[in-house]
Amino acid sequence: MTLDDIAAKARTLSEEHYQALCYVIETGRWPDGEALSITQRDQAIQLMMCYQSIHPNNAHMTINQSGQIEHKSKADLKREWAQKTWLAEQIDSIDNSNPC
């Protein structure tokens, strides 16, 4: 499989399939329990990295559009966590104040 083939697959990969791919890479096994071959693992990792470069996400470590590994700083991660916590508290306060 060439890099062009992998890039074409990454462009059409759904979020659901991307998440399944990440699980396969993390566990080293297909959903049926069969182990990945070295070639399958390498191609899956290449597909994941290509997908991340095309579809940026908020993970702490990802591949940017130029193909470089991008790490978020500790301060950025803390800021994001604080914003999510604040938003969750606001939603909870709205839910708790609603008598319905």
Protein backbone atom coordinates (compact mmCIF):
# COMPACT_ATOMS: atom_id res chain seq x y z
CA MET A 1 0.00 0.00 0.00
CA THR A 2 1.46 3.36 -1.01
CA LEU A 3 1.26 6.59 0.96
CA ASP A 4 -1.17 7.93 -1.66
CA ASP A 5 -3.44 4.93 -1.00
CA ILE A 6 -3.25 5.56 2.73
CA ALA A 7 -4.00 9.28 2.29
CA ALA A 8 -7.01 8.46 0.10
CA LYS A 9 -8.34 6.08 2.77
CA ALA A 10 -7.74 8.66 5.52
CA ARG A 11 -9.81 11.26 3.65
CA THR A 12 -12.83 8.93 3.54
CA LEU A 13 -12.45 7.38 7.00
CA SER A 14 -15.37 8.12 9.35
CA GLU A 15 -14.83 9.20 12.96
CA GLU A 16 -16.31 5.90 14.14
CA HIS A 17 -13.86 3.89 12.04
CA TYR A 18 -10.99 6.12 13.17
CA GLN A 19 -11.83 5.37 16.82
CA ALA A 20 -11.97 1.64 16.03
CA LEU A 21 -8.60 1.95 14.30
CA CYS A 22 -7.12 3.62 17.38
CA TYR A 23 -8.43 0.76 19.53
CA VAL A 24 -6.86 -1.80 17.20
CA ILE A 25 -3.52 0.02 17.36
CA GLU A 26 -3.66 0.35 21.16
CA THR A 27 -4.49 -3.31 21.76
CA GLY A 28 -2.60 -4.85 18.84
CA ARG A 29 -5.63 -7.00 18.09
CA TRP A 30 -8.60 -6.97 15.76
CA PRO A 31 -12.05 -6.87 17.41
CA ASP A 32 -12.31 -10.66 16.98
CA GLY A 33 -9.15 -11.07 19.09
CA GLU A 34 -6.75 -11.96 16.27
CA ALA A 35 -3.35 -10.28 16.59
CA LEU A 36 -2.25 -7.72 14.03
CA SER A 37 0.64 -8.65 11.80
CA ILE A 38 3.61 -6.28 11.74
CA THR A 39 2.54 -5.04 8.29
CA GLN A 40 -1.05 -4.48 9.45
CA ARG A 41 0.17 -2.60 12.52
CA ASP A 42 2.48 -0.39 10.48
CA GLN A 43 -0.20 0.43 7.93
CA ALA A 44 -2.77 1.11 10.67
CA ILE A 45 -0.38 3.53 12.37
CA GLN A 46 0.31 5.28 9.06
CA LEU A 47 -3.44 5.56 8.43
CA MET A 48 -4.02 6.97 11.93
CA MET A 49 -1.24 9.55 11.51
CA CYS A 50 -2.53 10.58 8.09
CA TYR A 51 -6.09 10.88 9.44
CA GLN A 52 -4.86 13.10 12.27
CA SER A 53 -3.05 15.37 9.84
CA ILE A 54 -6.22 15.79 7.74
CA HIS A 55 -8.70 15.98 10.65
CA PRO A 56 -7.09 17.94 13.49
CA ASN A 57 -8.43 17.14 16.96
CA ASN A 58 -7.90 18.27 20.53
CA ALA A 59 -5.76 15.36 21.68
CA HIS A 60 -2.69 16.17 23.75
CA MET A 61 -0.47 14.71 21.04
CA THR A 62 -1.36 14.58 17.36
CA ILE A 63 0.10 14.91 13.88
CA ASN A 64 -0.24 18.38 12.37
CA GLN A 65 -0.87 19.14 8.70
CA SER A 66 2.85 19.34 7.93
CA GLY A 67 3.31 15.81 9.31
CA GLN A 68 5.07 16.84 12.52
CA ILE A 69 4.15 15.51 15.96
CA GLU A 70 2.44 18.28 17.91
CA HIS A 71 2.30 18.27 21.71
CA LYS A 72 0.10 20.58 23.73
CA SER A 73 1.84 22.29 26.59
CA LYS A 74 0.87 21.53 30.17
CA ALA A 75 -0.55 25.08 30.44
CA ASP A 76 -2.74 24.52 27.36
CA LEU A 77 -4.04 21.24 28.75
CA LYS A 78 -4.80 22.85 32.12
CA ARG A 79 -6.60 25.73 30.40
CA GLU A 80 -8.73 23.35 28.32
CA TRP A 81 -9.56 21.26 31.37
CA ALA A 82 -10.53 24.38 33.35
CA GLN A 83 -12.81 25.55 30.52
CA LYS A 84 -14.50 22.14 30.30
CA THR A 85 -14.94 22.06 34.08
CA TRP A 86 -16.38 25.58 34.10
CA LEU A 87 -18.79 24.71 31.27
CA ALA A 88 -19.91 21.52 33.04
CA GLU A 89 -20.59 23.53 36.23
CA GLN A 90 -22.65 26.04 34.26
CA ILE A 91 -24.72 23.29 32.67
CA ASP A 92 -25.23 21.62 36.06
CA SER A 93 -26.37 24.90 37.61
CA ILE A 94 -28.90 25.39 34.79
CA ASP A 95 -30.17 21.83 35.16
CA ASN A 96 -30.47 22.16 38.95
CA SER A 97 -32.30 25.49 38.76
CA ASN A 98 -34.88 24.17 36.28
CA PRO A 99 -37.93 22.89 38.22
CA CYS A 100 -39.16 20.75 35.28
